Amino acid sequence: MVLGLITLFRRFFDWQGKLGRFLSQHSYTVYVIHIPIVVFLGVALKGIEIEALLKFLVVAVIAIPTCFAAAYLIRKTPGASRIL
């Protein structure tokens, strides 16, 4: 099944749009900076009494765009795109 999925995606999904290109260009920077953002959001939502899975989903929905926005701003600084 895995080999079939690899072949399927290689054959029919071998393209990248503007969003995919943006996400791939900033993915390493997100990898480097995501921990402080996720921890900050977790601490900020500490007082909210909801189920753990729901709180995880809330943090994920907020953290993912925040991380990519921060990565975009970081990579816009001169010289940062060569490092990250």
PDB file of N, CA and C in Angstrom:
ATOM      1  N   MET A   1       0.828  -1.193   0.000  1.00  0.00           N
ATOM      2  CA  MET A   1       0.000   0.000   0.000  1.00  0.00           C
ATOM      3  C   MET A   1       0.874   1.259   0.000  1.00  0.00           C
ATOM      4  N   VAL A   2       1.941   1.240   0.785  1.00  0.00           N
ATOM      5  CA  VAL A   2       2.822   2.405   0.853  1.00  0.00           C
ATOM      6  C   VAL A   2       3.477   2.663  -0.495  1.00  0.00           C
ATOM      7  N   LEU A   3       3.937   1.613  -1.145  1.00  0.00           N
ATOM      8  CA  LEU A   3       4.564   1.790  -2.458  1.00  0.00           C
ATOM      9  C   LEU A   3       3.559   2.314  -3.476  1.00  0.00           C
ATOM     10  N   GLY A   4       2.322   1.841  -3.383  1.00  0.00           N
ATOM     11  CA  GLY A   4       1.285   2.349  -4.277  1.00  0.00           C
ATOM     12  C   GLY A   4       1.007   3.819  -4.040  1.00  0.00           C
ATOM     13  N   LEU A   5       0.973   4.243  -2.775  1.00  0.00           N
ATOM     14  CA  LEU A   5       0.755   5.658  -2.463  1.00  0.00           C
ATOM     15  C   LEU A   5       1.907   6.525  -2.948  1.00  0.00           C
ATOM     16  N   ILE A   6       3.121   6.028  -2.803  1.00  0.00           N
ATOM     17  CA  ILE A   6       4.278   6.779  -3.301  1.00  0.00           C
ATOM     18  C   ILE A   6       4.166   6.977  -4.806  1.00  0.00           C
ATOM     19  N   THR A   7       3.823   5.912  -5.524  1.00  0.00           N
ATOM     20  CA  THR A   7       3.663   6.009  -6.982  1.00  0.00           C
ATOM     21  C   THR A   7       2.517   6.947  -7.346  1.00  0.00           C
ATOM     22  N   LEU A   8       1.401   6.837  -6.637  1.00  0.00           N
ATOM     23  CA  LEU A   8       0.249   7.693  -6.904  1.00  0.00           C
ATOM     24  C   LEU A   8       0.591   9.166  -6.740  1.00  0.00           C
ATOM     25  N   PHE A   9       1.226   9.509  -5.625  1.00  0.00           N
ATOM     26  CA  PHE A   9       1.563  10.910  -5.383  1.00  0.00           C
ATOM     27  C   PHE A   9       2.643  11.404  -6.334  1.00  0.00           C
ATOM     28  N   ARG A  10       3.581  10.547  -6.698  1.00  0.00           N
ATOM     29  CA  ARG A  10       4.617  10.960  -7.645  1.00  0.00           C
ATOM     30  C   ARG A  10       4.024  11.226  -9.022  1.00  0.00           C
ATOM     31  N   ARG A  11       3.043  10.453  -9.397  1.00  0.00           N
ATOM     32  CA  ARG A  11       2.467  10.585 -10.733  1.00  0.00           C
ATOM     33  C   ARG A  11       1.456  11.726 -10.838  1.00  0.00           C
ATOM     34  N   PHE A  12       0.587  11.872  -9.844  1.00  0.00           N
ATOM     35  CA  PHE A  12      -0.533  12.802  -9.978  1.00  0.00           C
ATOM     36  C   PHE A  12      -0.404  14.082  -9.156  1.00  0.00           C
ATOM     37  N   PHE A  13       0.468  14.120  -8.194  1.00  0.00           N
ATOM     38  CA  PHE A  13       0.571  15.299  -7.330  1.00  0.00           C
ATOM     39  C   PHE A  13       1.977  15.869  -7.341  1.00  0.00           C
ATOM     40  N   ASP A  14       2.615  15.853  -8.498  1.00  0.00           N
ATOM     41  CA  ASP A  14       3.983  16.348  -8.636  1.00  0.00           C
ATOM     42  C   ASP A  14       3.979  17.798  -9.105  1.00  0.00           C
ATOM     43  N   TRP A  15       3.376  18.672  -8.313  1.00  0.00           N
ATOM     44  CA  TRP A  15       3.328  20.094  -8.640  1.00  0.00           C
ATOM     45  C   TRP A  15       3.301  20.876  -7.329  1.00  0.00           C
ATOM     46  N   GLN A  16       3.596  22.142  -7.427  1.00  0.00           N
ATOM     47  CA  GLN A  16       3.645  22.977  -6.237  1.00  0.00           C
ATOM     48  C   GLN A  16       3.093  24.349  -6.592  1.00  0.00           C
ATOM     49  N   GLY A  17       2.092  24.772  -5.847  1.00  0.00           N
ATOM     50  CA  GLY A  17       1.499  26.083  -6.064  1.00  0.00           C
ATOM     51  C   GLY A  17       2.220  27.151  -5.257  1.00  0.00           C
ATOM     52  N   LYS A  18       1.652  28.342  -5.256  1.00  0.00           N
ATOM     53  CA  LYS A  18       2.262  29.459  -4.527  1.00  0.00           C
ATOM     54  C   LYS A  18       2.303  29.181  -3.029  1.00  0.00           C
ATOM     55  N   LEU A  19       1.209  28.650  -2.473  1.00  0.00           N
ATOM     56  CA  LEU A  19       1.165  28.367  -1.040  1.00  0.00           C
ATOM     57  C   LEU A  19       2.173  27.292  -0.673  1.00  0.00           C
ATOM     58  N   GLY A  20       2.239  26.236  -1.457  1.00  0.00           N
ATOM     59  CA  GLY A  20       3.205  25.167  -1.193  1.00  0.00           C
ATOM     60  C   GLY A  20       4.634  25.654  -1.272  1.00  0.00           C
ATOM     61  N   ARG A  21       4.917  26.526  -2.216  1.00  0.00           N
ATOM     62  CA  ARG A  21       6.261  27.080  -2.356  1.00  0.00           C
ATOM     63  C   ARG A  21       6.606  27.948  -1.145  1.00  0.00           C
ATOM     64  N   PHE A  22       5.641  28.772  -0.710  1.00  0.00           N
ATOM     65  CA  PHE A  22       5.863  29.619   0.466  1.00  0.00           C
ATOM     66  C   PHE A  22       6.129  28.755   1.694  1.00  0.00           C
ATOM     67  N   LEU A  23       5.313  27.738   1.901  1.00  0.00           N
ATOM     68  CA  LEU A  23       5.476  26.883   3.072  1.00  0.00           C
ATOM     69  C   LEU A  23       6.802  26.136   3.045  1.00  0.00           C
ATOM     70  N   SER A  24       7.205  25.653   1.879  1.00  0.00           N
ATOM     71  CA  SER A  24       8.467  24.919   1.804  1.00  0.00           C
ATOM     72  C   SER A  24       9.668  25.836   1.989  1.00  0.00           C
ATOM     73  N   GLN A  25       9.590  27.073   1.520  1.00  0.00           N
ATOM     74  CA  GLN A  25      10.701  28.000   1.693  1.00  0.00           C
ATOM     75  C   GLN A  25      10.904  28.370   3.159  1.00  0.00           C
ATOM     76  N   HIS A  26       9.844  28.385   3.943  1.00  0.00           N
ATOM     77  CA  HIS A  26       9.934  28.824   5.325  1.00  0.00           C
ATOM     78  C   HIS A  26       9.885  27.680   6.336  1.00  0.00           C
ATOM     79  N   SER A  27       9.851  26.446   5.873  1.00  0.00           N
ATOM     80  CA  SER A  27       9.663  25.319   6.785  1.00  0.00           C
ATOM     81  C   SER A  27      10.827  25.136   7.762  1.00  0.00           C
ATOM     82  N   TYR A  28      12.064  25.323   7.317  1.00  0.00           N
ATOM     83  CA  TYR A  28      13.195  25.154   8.244  1.00  0.00           C
ATOM     84  C   TYR A  28      13.188  26.235   9.316  1.00  0.00           C
ATOM     85  N   THR A  29      12.877  27.452   8.945  1.00  0.00           N
ATOM     86  CA  THR A  29      12.806  28.520   9.931  1.00  0.00           C
ATOM     87  C   THR A  29      11.698  28.232  10.942  1.00  0.00           C
ATOM     88  N   VAL A  30      10.570  27.729  10.486  1.00  0.00           N
ATOM     89  CA  VAL A  30       9.489  27.350  11.395  1.00  0.00           C
ATOM     90  C   VAL A  30       9.975  26.246  12.323  1.00  0.00           C
ATOM     91  N   TYR A  31      10.703  25.272  11.790  1.00  0.00           N
ATOM     92  CA  TYR A  31      11.240  24.191  12.602  1.00  0.00           C
ATOM     93  C   TYR A  31      12.132  24.741  13.720  1.00  0.00           C
ATOM     94  N   VAL A  32      12.916  25.748  13.412  1.00  0.00           N
ATOM     95  CA  VAL A  32      13.843  26.307  14.401  1.00  0.00           C
ATOM     96  C   VAL A  32      13.108  27.139  15.450  1.00  0.00           C
ATOM     97  N   ILE A  33      12.075  27.896  15.059  1.00  0.00           N
ATOM     98  CA  ILE A  33      11.472  28.866  15.980  1.00  0.00           C
ATOM     99  C   ILE A  33      10.150  28.421  16.592  1.00  0.00           C
ATOM    100  N   HIS A  34       9.618  27.270  16.245  1.00  0.00           N
ATOM    101  CA  HIS A  34       8.262  26.941  16.688  1.00  0.00           C
ATOM    102  C   HIS A  34       8.144  26.634  18.174  1.00  0.00           C
ATOM    103  N   ILE A  35       9.181  26.128  18.804  1.00  0.00           N
ATOM    104  CA  ILE A  35       9.081  25.730  20.213  1.00  0.00           C
ATOM    105  C   ILE A  35       8.711  26.903  21.121  1.00  0.00           C
ATOM    106  N   PRO A  36       9.396  28.050  21.071  1.00  0.00           N
ATOM    107  CA  PRO A  36       8.992  29.147  21.974  1.00  0.00           C
ATOM    108  C   PRO A  36       7.575  29.646  21.703  1.00  0.00           C
ATOM    109  N   ILE A  37       7.152  29.622  20.466  1.00  0.00           N
ATOM    110  CA  ILE A  37       5.802  30.091  20.136  1.00  0.00           C
ATOM    111  C   ILE A  37       4.756  29.146  20.707  1.00  0.00           C
ATOM    112  N   VAL A  38       4.962  27.848  20.539  1.00  0.00           N
ATOM    113  CA  VAL A  38       4.002  26.865  21.050  1.00  0.00           C
ATOM    114  C   VAL A  38       3.967  26.890  22.580  1.00  0.00           C
ATOM    115  N   VAL A  39       5.123  27.010  23.210  1.00  0.00           N
ATOM    116  CA  VAL A  39       5.161  27.069  24.677  1.00  0.00           C
ATOM    117  C   VAL A  39       4.464  28.329  25.169  1.00  0.00           C
ATOM    118  N   PHE A  40       4.719  29.455  24.529  1.00  0.00           N
ATOM    119  CA  PHE A  40       4.056  30.699  24.918  1.00  0.00           C
ATOM    120  C   PHE A  40       2.542  30.569  24.810  1.00  0.00           C
ATOM    121  N   LEU A  41       2.057  30.003  23.721  1.00  0.00           N
ATOM    122  CA  LEU A  41       0.616  29.844  23.559  1.00  0.00           C
ATOM    123  C   LEU A  41       0.041  28.870  24.578  1.00  0.00           C
ATOM    124  N   GLY A  42       0.775  27.817  24.876  1.00  0.00           N
ATOM    125  CA  GLY A  42       0.319  26.868  25.901  1.00  0.00           C
ATOM    126  C   GLY A  42       0.207  27.511  27.265  1.00  0.00           C
ATOM    127  N   VAL A  43       1.177  28.316  27.619  1.00  0.00           N
ATOM    128  CA  VAL A  43       1.143  29.016  28.902  1.00  0.00           C
ATOM    129  C   VAL A  43       0.055  30.084  28.905  1.00  0.00           C
ATOM    130  N   ALA A  44      -0.124  30.757  27.784  1.00  0.00           N
ATOM    131  CA  ALA A  44      -1.147  31.797  27.705  1.00  0.00           C
ATOM    132  C   ALA A  44      -2.552  31.212  27.837  1.00  0.00           C
ATOM    133  N   LEU A  45      -2.752  29.988  27.377  1.00  0.00           N
ATOM    134  CA  LEU A  45      -4.062  29.353  27.459  1.00  0.00           C
ATOM    135  C   LEU A  45      -4.198  28.429  28.667  1.00  0.00           C
ATOM    136  N   LYS A  46      -3.285  28.560  29.613  1.00  0.00           N
ATOM    137  CA  LYS A  46      -3.294  27.700  30.794  1.00  0.00           C
ATOM    138  C   LYS A  46      -4.576  27.862  31.604  1.00  0.00           C
ATOM    139  N   GLY A  47      -5.114  29.043  31.673  1.00  0.00           N
ATOM    140  CA  GLY A  47      -6.292  29.303  32.489  1.00  0.00           C
ATOM    141  C   GLY A  47      -7.601  28.843  31.871  1.00  0.00           C
ATOM    142  N   ILE A  48      -7.597  28.462  30.611  1.00  0.00           N
ATOM    143  CA  ILE A  48      -8.824  28.033  29.946  1.00  0.00           C
ATOM    144  C   ILE A  48      -9.085  26.567  30.293  1.00  0.00           C
ATOM    145  N   GLU A  49     -10.267  26.293  30.808  1.00  0.00           N
ATOM    146  CA  GLU A  49     -10.628  24.937  31.227  1.00  0.00           C
ATOM    147  C   GLU A  49     -11.396  24.226  30.121  1.00  0.00           C
ATOM    148  N   ILE A  50     -10.669  23.552  29.229  1.00  0.00           N
ATOM    149  CA  ILE A  50     -11.284  22.722  28.191  1.00  0.00           C
ATOM    150  C   ILE A  50     -10.507  21.415  28.122  1.00  0.00           C
ATOM    151  N   GLU A  51     -11.038  20.463  27.400  1.00  0.00           N
ATOM    152  CA  GLU A  51     -10.372  19.172  27.242  1.00  0.00           C
ATOM    153  C   GLU A  51      -8.995  19.356  26.614  1.00  0.00           C
ATOM    154  N   ALA A  52      -8.082  18.449  26.958  1.00  0.00           N
ATOM    155  CA  ALA A  52      -6.702  18.570  26.483  1.00  0.00           C
ATOM    156  C   ALA A  52      -6.609  18.507  24.956  1.00  0.00           C
ATOM    157  N   LEU A  53      -7.369  17.623  24.344  1.00  0.00           N
ATOM    158  CA  LEU A  53      -7.315  17.511  22.893  1.00  0.00           C
ATOM    159  C   LEU A  53      -7.842  18.770  22.215  1.00  0.00           C
ATOM    160  N   LEU A  54      -8.896  19.332  22.760  1.00  0.00           N
ATOM    161  CA  LEU A  54      -9.442  20.569  22.207  1.00  0.00           C
ATOM    162  C   LEU A  54      -8.464  21.727  22.385  1.00  0.00           C
ATOM    163  N   LYS A  55      -7.802  21.778  23.542  1.00  0.00           N
ATOM    164  CA  LYS A  55      -6.800  22.826  23.769  1.00  0.00           C
ATOM    165  C   LYS A  55      -5.622  22.649  22.799  1.00  0.00           C
ATOM    166  N   PHE A  56      -5.233  21.400  22.546  1.00  0.00           N
ATOM    167  CA  PHE A  56      -4.178  21.133  21.564  1.00  0.00           C
ATOM    168  C   PHE A  56      -4.576  21.663  20.196  1.00  0.00           C
ATOM    169  N   LEU A  57      -5.810  21.410  19.793  1.00  0.00           N
ATOM    170  CA  LEU A  57      -6.279  21.884  18.491  1.00  0.00           C
ATOM    171  C   LEU A  57      -6.307  23.409  18.419  1.00  0.00           C
ATOM    172  N   VAL A  58      -6.724  24.055  19.510  1.00  0.00           N
ATOM    173  CA  VAL A  58      -6.752  25.523  19.540  1.00  0.00           C
ATOM    174  C   VAL A  58      -5.336  26.080  19.407  1.00  0.00           C
ATOM    175  N   VAL A  59      -4.407  25.504  20.176  1.00  0.00           N
ATOM    176  CA  VAL A  59      -3.017  25.966  20.100  1.00  0.00           C
ATOM    177  C   VAL A  59      -2.450  25.719  18.709  1.00  0.00           C
ATOM    178  N   ALA A  60      -2.750  24.578  18.109  1.00  0.00           N
ATOM    179  CA  ALA A  60      -2.232  24.272  16.771  1.00  0.00           C
ATOM    180  C   ALA A  60      -2.781  25.234  15.723  1.00  0.00           C
ATOM    181  N   VAL A  61      -4.071  25.543  15.813  1.00  0.00           N
ATOM    182  CA  VAL A  61      -4.680  26.457  14.831  1.00  0.00           C
ATOM    183  C   VAL A  61      -4.086  27.856  14.948  1.00  0.00           C
ATOM    184  N   ILE A  62      -3.739  28.263  16.152  1.00  0.00           N
ATOM    185  CA  ILE A  62      -3.125  29.584  16.341  1.00  0.00           C
ATOM    186  C   ILE A  62      -1.631  29.543  16.015  1.00  0.00           C
ATOM    187  N   ALA A  63      -0.951  28.463  16.410  1.00  0.00           N
ATOM    188  CA  ALA A  63       0.509  28.413  16.303  1.00  0.00           C
ATOM    189  C   ALA A  63       0.996  28.263  14.869  1.00  0.00           C
ATOM    190  N   ILE A  64       0.310  27.503  14.057  1.00  0.00           N
ATOM    191  CA  ILE A  64       0.814  27.256  12.700  1.00  0.00           C
ATOM    192  C   ILE A  64       0.895  28.545  11.881  1.00  0.00           C
ATOM    193  N   PRO A  65      -0.183  29.330  11.780  1.00  0.00           N
ATOM    194  CA  PRO A  65      -0.029  30.592  11.034  1.00  0.00           C
ATOM    195  C   PRO A  65       0.938  31.566  11.696  1.00  0.00           C
ATOM    196  N   THR A  66       0.959  31.570  13.032  1.00  0.00           N
ATOM    197  CA  THR A  66       1.869  32.461  13.747  1.00  0.00           C
ATOM    198  C   THR A  66       3.322  32.107  13.452  1.00  0.00           C
ATOM    199  N   CYS A  67       3.632  30.819  13.444  1.00  0.00           N
ATOM    200  CA  CYS A  67       5.007  30.388  13.156  1.00  0.00           C
ATOM    201  C   CYS A  67       5.426  30.752  11.739  1.00  0.00           C
ATOM    202  N   PHE A  68       4.527  30.555  10.777  1.00  0.00           N
ATOM    203  CA  PHE A  68       4.890  30.894   9.403  1.00  0.00           C
ATOM    204  C   PHE A  68       4.979  32.401   9.199  1.00  0.00           C
ATOM    205  N   ALA A  69       4.153  33.167   9.895  1.00  0.00           N
ATOM    206  CA  ALA A  69       4.259  34.626   9.803  1.00  0.00           C
ATOM    207  C   ALA A  69       5.576  35.095  10.424  1.00  0.00           C
ATOM    208  N   ALA A  70       5.941  34.528  11.566  1.00  0.00           N
ATOM    209  CA  ALA A  70       7.207  34.893  12.206  1.00  0.00           C
ATOM    210  C   ALA A  70       8.388  34.476  11.327  1.00  0.00           C
ATOM    211  N   ALA A  71       8.304  33.307  10.715  1.00  0.00           N
ATOM    212  CA  ALA A  71       9.375  32.852   9.828  1.00  0.00           C
ATOM    213  C   ALA A  71       9.515  33.780   8.632  1.00  0.00           C
ATOM    214  N   TYR A  72       8.398  34.233   8.094  1.00  0.00           N
ATOM    215  CA  TYR A  72       8.431  35.173   6.969  1.00  0.00           C
ATOM    216  C   TYR A  72       9.138  36.462   7.381  1.00  0.00           C
ATOM    217  N   LEU A  73       8.782  36.991   8.551  1.00  0.00           N
ATOM    218  CA  LEU A  73       9.406  38.234   9.015  1.00  0.00           C
ATOM    219  C   LEU A  73      10.892  38.050   9.315  1.00  0.00           C
ATOM    220  N   ILE A  74      11.242  36.912   9.890  1.00  0.00           N
ATOM    221  CA  ILE A  74      12.649  36.654  10.196  1.00  0.00           C
ATOM    222  C   ILE A  74      13.465  36.537   8.913  1.00  0.00           C
ATOM    223  N   ARG A  75      12.925  35.835   7.923  1.00  0.00           N
ATOM    224  CA  ARG A  75      13.665  35.659   6.671  1.00  0.00           C
ATOM    225  C   ARG A  75      13.744  36.932   5.844  1.00  0.00           C
ATOM    226  N   LYS A  76      12.909  37.930   6.144  1.00  0.00           N
ATOM    227  CA  LYS A  76      12.976  39.212   5.444  1.00  0.00           C
ATOM    228  C   LYS A  76      14.136  40.071   5.934  1.00  0.00           C
ATOM    229  N   THR A  77      14.675  39.785   7.108  1.00  0.00           N
ATOM    230  CA  THR A  77      15.794  40.563   7.611  1.00  0.00           C
ATOM    231  C   THR A  77      17.033  40.267   6.755  1.00  0.00           C
ATOM    232  N   PRO A  78      17.844  41.269   6.533  1.00  0.00           N
ATOM    233  CA  PRO A  78      19.010  41.073   5.662  1.00  0.00           C
ATOM    234  C   PRO A  78      19.967  40.006   6.208  1.00  0.00           C
ATOM    235  N   GLY A  79      20.321  39.066   5.366  1.00  0.00           N
ATOM    236  CA  GLY A  79      21.265  38.028   5.719  1.00  0.00           C
ATOM    237  C   GLY A  79      20.655  36.808   6.366  1.00  0.00           C
ATOM    238  N   ALA A  80      19.448  36.888   6.869  1.00  0.00           N
ATOM    239  CA  ALA A  80      18.838  35.760   7.560  1.00  0.00           C
ATOM    240  C   ALA A  80      18.462  34.639   6.614  1.00  0.00           C
ATOM    241  N   SER A  81      18.083  34.967   5.392  1.00  0.00           N
ATOM    242  CA  SER A  81      17.665  33.933   4.449  1.00  0.00           C
ATOM    243  C   SER A  81      18.854  33.037   4.035  1.00  0.00           C
ATOM    244  N   ARG A  82      20.065  33.551   4.131  1.00  0.00           N
ATOM    245  CA  ARG A  82      21.234  32.714   3.814  1.00  0.00           C
ATOM    246  C   ARG A  82      21.497  31.708   4.922  1.00  0.00           C
ATOM    247  N   ILE A  83      21.156  32.072   6.169  1.00  0.00           N
ATOM    248  CA  ILE A  83      21.368  31.170   7.302  1.00  0.00           C
ATOM    249  C   ILE A  83      20.200  30.209   7.450  1.00  0.00           C
ATOM    250  N   LEU A  84      19.000  30.743   7.335  1.00  0.00           N
ATOM    251  CA  LEU A  84      17.807  29.933   7.524  1.00  0.00           C
ATOM    252  C   LEU A  84      17.236  29.605   6.183  1.00  0.00           C
TER     253      LEU A  84
END
